Amino acid sequence: RAGARHPDLKVTSEVVFEEPEYALVRESRNASALVTGTRGRGGMTEALLGSVSLTVAGHAHCPVIIVRGSHDNQARAGRHGRIVVGVGGPTTLGFAFEEAARRKVPVEAIRAWRCPAHESTDHPLLAGEPARLHEQQAVDALEAALQDAPASAELHRRTAEGPAGSVLVAASHHADLLVVGARRRPRHFGLQLGRVAHRVLHHSACPVAIVPEQG
């Protein structure tokens, strides 16, 4: 099917006698990106990511793109003309900008912020407007992260109040790809997905790219 749709694209295949998650993680060492899918089964199970995709996303050495199928198991072409990125490390942002350039679409960079309900307003910087300080900190962090953004990129900045996972899941309903980072810790052998990446993998309305960030 890939060859029929893109005759000029070189496509090779290989069948290996190995558990899929181990084979894919190994191949990710020498890949620019790894793409995998997940089948919806209807009902509650449709919202949950398969174990292979989850394991690969948590251990791969290159960006992993998880493409969800619809009820008839067919992935749909992008129709929103936008990539959303949860602002994190430079590798994550770089991947988002490169992918946007390939697709010729804009990037919406989002930074979530929260004002703890228990926070005291006695502090002079917080008196009267505790939320405003946290929002401004998010704006400053967003600007700092994007200072090296490509000049040619069409970039939209947005801060939003709420848990980062919930903010990004909501944004995924109006995106063709959601990009988030996952920090890889040396000598850590467990699933290396943060809470935000874990949430969007299970609940995003569009394909998700998980980009490894070292350190």
C-alpha atoms as a PDB file:
ATOM      1  CA  ARG A   1       0.000   0.000   0.000  1.00  0.00           C
ATOM      2  CA  ALA A   2       2.860   2.392   0.772  1.00  0.00           C
ATOM      3  CA  GLY A   3       4.435   1.706  -2.621  1.00  0.00           C
ATOM      4  CA  ALA A   4       1.133   2.243  -4.415  1.00  0.00           C
ATOM      5  CA  ARG A   5       0.589   5.608  -2.737  1.00  0.00           C
ATOM      6  CA  HIS A   6       4.193   6.818  -3.119  1.00  0.00           C
ATOM      7  CA  PRO A   7       5.841   5.100  -6.122  1.00  0.00           C
ATOM      8  CA  ASP A   8       9.109   7.060  -5.734  1.00  0.00           C
ATOM      9  CA  LEU A   9       9.551   6.092  -2.082  1.00  0.00           C
ATOM     10  CA  LYS A  10      11.989   3.271  -1.313  1.00  0.00           C
ATOM     11  CA  VAL A  11      10.203   0.728   0.869  1.00  0.00           C
ATOM     12  CA  THR A  12      11.838  -2.370   2.359  1.00  0.00           C
ATOM     13  CA  SER A  13      10.413  -4.983   4.713  1.00  0.00           C
ATOM     14  CA  GLU A  14      11.735  -7.539   7.148  1.00  0.00           C
ATOM     15  CA  VAL A  15      10.157 -10.268   9.249  1.00  0.00           C
ATOM     16  CA  VAL A  16      11.998 -11.130  12.481  1.00  0.00           C
ATOM     17  CA  PHE A  17      11.460 -13.942  14.959  1.00  0.00           C
ATOM     18  CA  GLU A  18      11.359 -11.748  18.051  1.00  0.00           C
ATOM     19  CA  GLU A  19       8.944  -9.975  20.369  1.00  0.00           C
ATOM     20  CA  PRO A  20       7.847  -6.791  18.551  1.00  0.00           C
ATOM     21  CA  GLU A  21       8.697  -4.347  21.337  1.00  0.00           C
ATOM     22  CA  TYR A  22      12.286  -5.612  21.593  1.00  0.00           C
ATOM     23  CA  ALA A  23      12.794  -5.609  17.830  1.00  0.00           C
ATOM     24  CA  LEU A  24      11.416  -2.096  17.401  1.00  0.00           C
ATOM     25  CA  VAL A  25      13.401  -0.591  20.282  1.00  0.00           C
ATOM     26  CA  ARG A  26      16.579  -2.134  18.860  1.00  0.00           C
ATOM     27  CA  GLU A  27      15.868  -0.767  15.385  1.00  0.00           C
ATOM     28  CA  SER A  28      15.215   2.683  16.861  1.00  0.00           C
ATOM     29  CA  ARG A  29      18.943   3.044  17.562  1.00  0.00           C
ATOM     30  CA  ASN A  30      19.568   3.644  13.866  1.00  0.00           C
ATOM     31  CA  ALA A  31      16.325   5.339  12.826  1.00  0.00           C
ATOM     32  CA  SER A  32      15.242   8.945  12.382  1.00  0.00           C
ATOM     33  CA  ALA A  33      11.733   8.074  13.553  1.00  0.00           C
ATOM     34  CA  LEU A  34       9.698   5.000  14.404  1.00  0.00           C
ATOM     35  CA  VAL A  35       5.998   4.805  13.526  1.00  0.00           C
ATOM     36  CA  THR A  36       3.571   2.389  15.121  1.00  0.00           C
ATOM     37  CA  GLY A  37      -0.172   2.110  15.405  1.00  0.00           C
ATOM     38  CA  THR A  38      -2.794   0.888  17.810  1.00  0.00           C
ATOM     39  CA  ARG A  39      -6.160  -0.663  17.101  1.00  0.00           C
ATOM     40  CA  GLY A  40      -9.297   0.574  18.816  1.00  0.00           C
ATOM     41  CA  ARG A  41     -11.546  -2.266  19.997  1.00  0.00           C
ATOM     42  CA  GLY A  42     -14.586  -0.216  20.933  1.00  0.00           C
ATOM     43  CA  GLY A  43     -15.839   0.809  24.346  1.00  0.00           C
ATOM     44  CA  MET A  44     -13.439   1.613  27.164  1.00  0.00           C
ATOM     45  CA  THR A  45     -10.523  -0.347  25.688  1.00  0.00           C
ATOM     46  CA  GLU A  46     -10.368   1.977  22.701  1.00  0.00           C
ATOM     47  CA  ALA A  47      -8.946   4.743  24.889  1.00  0.00           C
ATOM     48  CA  LEU A  48      -6.056   2.569  26.082  1.00  0.00           C
ATOM     49  CA  LEU A  49      -2.809   2.232  24.194  1.00  0.00           C
ATOM     50  CA  GLY A  50      -1.528  -1.244  23.378  1.00  0.00           C
ATOM     51  CA  SER A  51       1.386  -2.647  25.390  1.00  0.00           C
ATOM     52  CA  VAL A  52       3.725  -2.771  22.374  1.00  0.00           C
ATOM     53  CA  SER A  53       3.214   0.901  21.482  1.00  0.00           C
ATOM     54  CA  LEU A  54       3.510   1.954  25.114  1.00  0.00           C
ATOM     55  CA  THR A  55       6.735  -0.017  25.651  1.00  0.00           C
ATOM     56  CA  VAL A  56       8.293   1.304  22.456  1.00  0.00           C
ATOM     57  CA  ALA A  57       7.345   4.901  23.303  1.00  0.00           C
ATOM     58  CA  GLY A  58       8.949   4.517  26.722  1.00  0.00           C
ATOM     59  CA  HIS A  59      12.249   3.019  25.557  1.00  0.00           C
ATOM     60  CA  ALA A  60      12.969   4.035  21.951  1.00  0.00           C
ATOM     61  CA  HIS A  61      16.134   5.945  21.091  1.00  0.00           C
ATOM     62  CA  CYS A  62      14.492   8.042  18.369  1.00  0.00           C
ATOM     63  CA  PRO A  63      11.169   9.887  18.116  1.00  0.00           C
ATOM     64  CA  VAL A  64       8.171   7.534  18.135  1.00  0.00           C
ATOM     65  CA  ILE A  65       4.968   8.491  16.324  1.00  0.00           C
ATOM     66  CA  ILE A  66       1.844   6.684  17.521  1.00  0.00           C
ATOM     67  CA  VAL A  67      -0.948   6.724  14.926  1.00  0.00           C
ATOM     68  CA  ARG A  68      -4.396   5.806  16.169  1.00  0.00           C
ATOM     69  CA  GLY A  69      -6.921   4.220  13.821  1.00  0.00           C
ATOM     70  CA  SER A  70     -10.603   5.085  13.789  1.00  0.00           C
ATOM     71  CA  HIS A  71     -13.460   2.633  14.394  1.00  0.00           C
ATOM     72  CA  ASP A  72     -12.920   1.082  10.952  1.00  0.00           C
ATOM     73  CA  ASN A  73      -9.152   0.832  11.637  1.00  0.00           C
ATOM     74  CA  GLN A  74      -8.289   3.467   9.029  1.00  0.00           C
ATOM     75  CA  ALA A  75      -5.946   6.354   9.815  1.00  0.00           C
ATOM     76  CA  ARG A  76      -7.270   9.654   8.473  1.00  0.00           C
ATOM     77  CA  ALA A  77      -5.254  12.295   6.676  1.00  0.00           C
ATOM     78  CA  GLY A  78      -4.594  15.496   8.611  1.00  0.00           C
ATOM     79  CA  ARG A  79      -7.245  18.134   8.124  1.00  0.00           C
ATOM     80  CA  HIS A  80      -6.397  20.818  10.690  1.00  0.00           C
ATOM     81  CA  GLY A  81      -3.120  22.036   9.182  1.00  0.00           C
ATOM     82  CA  ARG A  82      -1.402  22.469  12.538  1.00  0.00           C
ATOM     83  CA  ILE A  83       1.198  20.809  14.746  1.00  0.00           C
ATOM     84  CA  VAL A  84       0.933  21.296  18.506  1.00  0.00           C
ATOM     85  CA  VAL A  85       3.997  20.960  20.720  1.00  0.00           C
ATOM     86  CA  GLY A  86       4.099  20.879  24.488  1.00  0.00           C
ATOM     87  CA  VAL A  87       7.043  23.134  25.238  1.00  0.00           C
ATOM     88  CA  GLY A  88       9.898  21.157  26.734  1.00  0.00           C
ATOM     89  CA  GLY A  89      13.493  20.462  25.733  1.00  0.00           C
ATOM     90  CA  PRO A  90      15.259  21.620  22.548  1.00  0.00           C
ATOM     91  CA  THR A  91      15.102  18.206  20.849  1.00  0.00           C
ATOM     92  CA  THR A  92      11.323  18.113  21.176  1.00  0.00           C
ATOM     93  CA  LEU A  93      10.940  21.606  19.760  1.00  0.00           C
ATOM     94  CA  GLY A  94      13.404  20.882  16.956  1.00  0.00           C
ATOM     95  CA  PHE A  95      11.434  17.814  15.907  1.00  0.00           C
ATOM     96  CA  ALA A  96       8.174  19.805  15.876  1.00  0.00           C
ATOM     97  CA  PHE A  97       9.656  22.541  13.684  1.00  0.00           C
ATOM     98  CA  GLU A  98      11.207  20.044  11.263  1.00  0.00           C
ATOM     99  CA  GLU A  99       7.950  18.148  10.900  1.00  0.00           C
ATOM    100  CA  ALA A 100       6.017  21.387  10.388  1.00  0.00           C
ATOM    101  CA  ALA A 101       8.446  22.417   7.647  1.00  0.00           C
ATOM    102  CA  ARG A 102       7.904  19.095   5.845  1.00  0.00           C
ATOM    103  CA  ARG A 103       4.140  19.504   6.022  1.00  0.00           C
ATOM    104  CA  LYS A 104       4.194  23.268   5.404  1.00  0.00           C
ATOM    105  CA  VAL A 105       1.965  23.950   8.411  1.00  0.00           C
ATOM    106  CA  PRO A 106       2.293  26.226  11.464  1.00  0.00           C
ATOM    107  CA  VAL A 107       3.370  25.182  14.953  1.00  0.00           C
ATOM    108  CA  GLU A 108       1.363  26.014  18.060  1.00  0.00           C
ATOM    109  CA  ALA A 109       3.657  25.949  21.103  1.00  0.00           C
ATOM    110  CA  ILE A 110       1.798  25.526  24.398  1.00  0.00           C
ATOM    111  CA  ARG A 111       2.978  26.026  27.957  1.00  0.00           C
ATOM    112  CA  ALA A 112       0.563  25.010  30.718  1.00  0.00           C
ATOM    113  CA  TRP A 113       0.539  26.667  34.131  1.00  0.00           C
ATOM    114  CA  ARG A 114      -1.267  26.188  37.426  1.00  0.00           C
ATOM    115  CA  CYS A 115      -1.871  28.302  40.517  1.00  0.00           C
ATOM    116  CA  PRO A 116      -1.898  26.062  43.608  1.00  0.00           C
ATOM    117  CA  ALA A 117      -5.132  26.524  45.544  1.00  0.00           C
ATOM    118  CA  HIS A 118      -3.303  26.456  48.870  1.00  0.00           C
ATOM    119  CA  GLU A 119      -0.824  29.157  47.906  1.00  0.00           C
ATOM    120  CA  SER A 120      -0.682  32.036  50.382  1.00  0.00           C
ATOM    121  CA  THR A 121      -1.536  35.529  49.172  1.00  0.00           C
ATOM    122  CA  ASP A 122       0.393  37.110  52.050  1.00  0.00           C
ATOM    123  CA  HIS A 123       3.552  37.200  49.957  1.00  0.00           C
ATOM    124  CA  PRO A 124       4.018  40.719  48.504  1.00  0.00           C
ATOM    125  CA  LEU A 125       4.464  39.348  44.969  1.00  0.00           C
ATOM    126  CA  LEU A 126       1.261  37.357  45.206  1.00  0.00           C
ATOM    127  CA  ALA A 127      -1.019  39.753  47.043  1.00  0.00           C
ATOM    128  CA  GLY A 128      -4.216  40.306  45.096  1.00  0.00           C
ATOM    129  CA  GLU A 129      -3.227  38.459  41.920  1.00  0.00           C
ATOM    130  CA  PRO A 130      -1.538  35.110  42.646  1.00  0.00           C
ATOM    131  CA  ALA A 131      -2.586  33.642  39.304  1.00  0.00           C
ATOM    132  CA  ARG A 132      -1.081  36.490  37.291  1.00  0.00           C
ATOM    133  CA  LEU A 133       2.423  35.728  38.580  1.00  0.00           C
ATOM    134  CA  HIS A 134       2.198  32.065  37.571  1.00  0.00           C
ATOM    135  CA  GLU A 135       0.845  32.991  34.156  1.00  0.00           C
ATOM    136  CA  GLN A 136       3.680  35.458  33.605  1.00  0.00           C
ATOM    137  CA  GLN A 137       6.224  32.820  34.616  1.00  0.00           C
ATOM    138  CA  ALA A 138       4.717  30.515  31.971  1.00  0.00           C
ATOM    139  CA  VAL A 139       4.933  33.281  29.355  1.00  0.00           C
ATOM    140  CA  ASP A 140       8.579  33.919  30.240  1.00  0.00           C
ATOM    141  CA  ALA A 141       9.423  30.200  30.119  1.00  0.00           C
ATOM    142  CA  LEU A 142       7.696  29.893  26.750  1.00  0.00           C
ATOM    143  CA  GLU A 143       9.631  32.803  25.273  1.00  0.00           C
ATOM    144  CA  ALA A 144      12.926  31.454  26.608  1.00  0.00           C
ATOM    145  CA  ALA A 145      12.293  28.020  25.112  1.00  0.00           C
ATOM    146  CA  LEU A 146      11.418  29.488  21.711  1.00  0.00           C
ATOM    147  CA  GLN A 147      14.239  32.001  21.407  1.00  0.00           C
ATOM    148  CA  ASP A 148      16.066  29.780  18.901  1.00  0.00           C
ATOM    149  CA  ALA A 149      12.999  28.926  16.816  1.00  0.00           C
ATOM    150  CA  PRO A 150      13.630  29.005  13.042  1.00  0.00           C
ATOM    151  CA  ALA A 151      12.910  32.412  11.574  1.00  0.00           C
ATOM    152  CA  SER A 152      11.046  30.766   8.689  1.00  0.00           C
ATOM    153  CA  ALA A 153       8.611  28.928  10.973  1.00  0.00           C
ATOM    154  CA  GLU A 154       5.032  30.097  11.375  1.00  0.00           C
ATOM    155  CA  LEU A 155       4.776  29.997  15.146  1.00  0.00           C
ATOM    156  CA  HIS A 156       1.861  30.589  17.479  1.00  0.00           C
ATOM    157  CA  ARG A 157       2.470  30.865  21.231  1.00  0.00           C
ATOM    158  CA  ARG A 158      -0.110  30.030  23.874  1.00  0.00           C
ATOM    159  CA  THR A 159      -0.189  29.605  27.630  1.00  0.00           C
ATOM    160  CA  ALA A 160      -3.103  27.799  29.250  1.00  0.00           C
ATOM    161  CA  GLU A 161      -4.139  27.244  32.839  1.00  0.00           C
ATOM    162  CA  GLY A 162      -4.525  23.634  33.917  1.00  0.00           C
ATOM    163  CA  PRO A 163      -2.631  20.329  34.139  1.00  0.00           C
ATOM    164  CA  ALA A 164      -0.308  19.981  31.159  1.00  0.00           C
ATOM    165  CA  GLY A 165      -1.723  16.619  30.129  1.00  0.00           C
ATOM    166  CA  SER A 166      -5.304  17.891  30.057  1.00  0.00           C
ATOM    167  CA  VAL A 167      -4.325  21.075  28.198  1.00  0.00           C
ATOM    168  CA  LEU A 168      -2.502  19.112  25.492  1.00  0.00           C
ATOM    169  CA  VAL A 169      -5.252  16.513  25.104  1.00  0.00           C
ATOM    170  CA  ALA A 170      -7.741  19.337  24.559  1.00  0.00           C
ATOM    171  CA  ALA A 171      -5.404  20.915  21.973  1.00  0.00           C
ATOM    172  CA  SER A 172      -5.063  17.588  20.140  1.00  0.00           C
ATOM    173  CA  HIS A 173      -8.653  17.873  18.893  1.00  0.00           C
ATOM    174  CA  HIS A 174      -7.526  20.687  16.601  1.00  0.00           C
ATOM    175  CA  ALA A 175      -4.116  19.304  15.526  1.00  0.00           C
ATOM    176  CA  ASP A 176      -2.742  16.814  13.016  1.00  0.00           C
ATOM    177  CA  LEU A 177       0.180  15.895  15.295  1.00  0.00           C
ATOM    178  CA  LEU A 178       0.883  16.428  18.986  1.00  0.00           C
ATOM    179  CA  VAL A 179       4.577  16.497  19.956  1.00  0.00           C
ATOM    180  CA  VAL A 180       5.785  15.977  23.534  1.00  0.00           C
ATOM    181  CA  GLY A 181       9.101  15.076  25.107  1.00  0.00           C
ATOM    182  CA  ALA A 182      10.080  12.132  27.321  1.00  0.00           C
ATOM    183  CA  ARG A 183      13.229  12.427  29.372  1.00  0.00           C
ATOM    184  CA  ARG A 184      15.599   9.469  29.164  1.00  0.00           C
ATOM    185  CA  ARG A 185      17.539   8.796  32.346  1.00  0.00           C
ATOM    186  CA  PRO A 186      20.803   6.839  32.076  1.00  0.00           C
ATOM    187  CA  ARG A 187      20.839   3.437  33.775  1.00  0.00           C
ATOM    188  CA  HIS A 188      17.077   3.548  34.310  1.00  0.00           C
ATOM    189  CA  PHE A 189      15.417   0.444  32.882  1.00  0.00           C
ATOM    190  CA  GLY A 190      11.760   1.124  33.637  1.00  0.00           C
ATOM    191  CA  LEU A 191       9.221   2.780  31.360  1.00  0.00           C
ATOM    192  CA  GLN A 192      10.644   6.245  30.729  1.00  0.00           C
ATOM    193  CA  LEU A 193       7.470   8.214  30.152  1.00  0.00           C
ATOM    194  CA  GLY A 194       6.452  11.146  32.299  1.00  0.00           C
ATOM    195  CA  ARG A 195       2.872  11.700  33.411  1.00  0.00           C
ATOM    196  CA  VAL A 196       2.168  14.151  30.593  1.00  0.00           C
ATOM    197  CA  ALA A 197       3.424  11.835  27.834  1.00  0.00           C
ATOM    198  CA  HIS A 198       1.579   8.899  29.375  1.00  0.00           C
ATOM    199  CA  ARG A 199      -1.706  10.816  29.467  1.00  0.00           C
ATOM    200  CA  VAL A 200      -1.557  12.120  25.905  1.00  0.00           C
ATOM    201  CA  LEU A 201      -0.639   8.689  24.545  1.00  0.00           C
ATOM    202  CA  HIS A 202      -3.832   7.261  26.006  1.00  0.00           C
ATOM    203  CA  HIS A 203      -6.191  10.133  25.295  1.00  0.00           C
ATOM    204  CA  SER A 204      -4.959  12.246  22.367  1.00  0.00           C
ATOM    205  CA  ALA A 205      -7.392  12.788  19.513  1.00  0.00           C
ATOM    206  CA  CYS A 206      -4.576  12.910  16.919  1.00  0.00           C
ATOM    207  CA  PRO A 207      -1.266  11.082  16.310  1.00  0.00           C
ATOM    208  CA  VAL A 208       1.351  11.683  19.030  1.00  0.00           C
ATOM    209  CA  ALA A 209       5.114  12.019  18.621  1.00  0.00           C
ATOM    210  CA  ILE A 210       7.164  11.140  21.703  1.00  0.00           C
ATOM    211  CA  VAL A 211      10.637  12.671  21.426  1.00  0.00           C
ATOM    212  CA  PRO A 212      13.440  11.414  23.714  1.00  0.00           C
ATOM    213  CA  GLU A 213      15.230  14.135  25.699  1.00  0.00           C
ATOM    214  CA  GLN A 214      18.497  13.082  27.291  1.00  0.00           C
ATOM    215  CA  GLY A 215      19.396  13.910  30.905  1.00  0.00           C
END
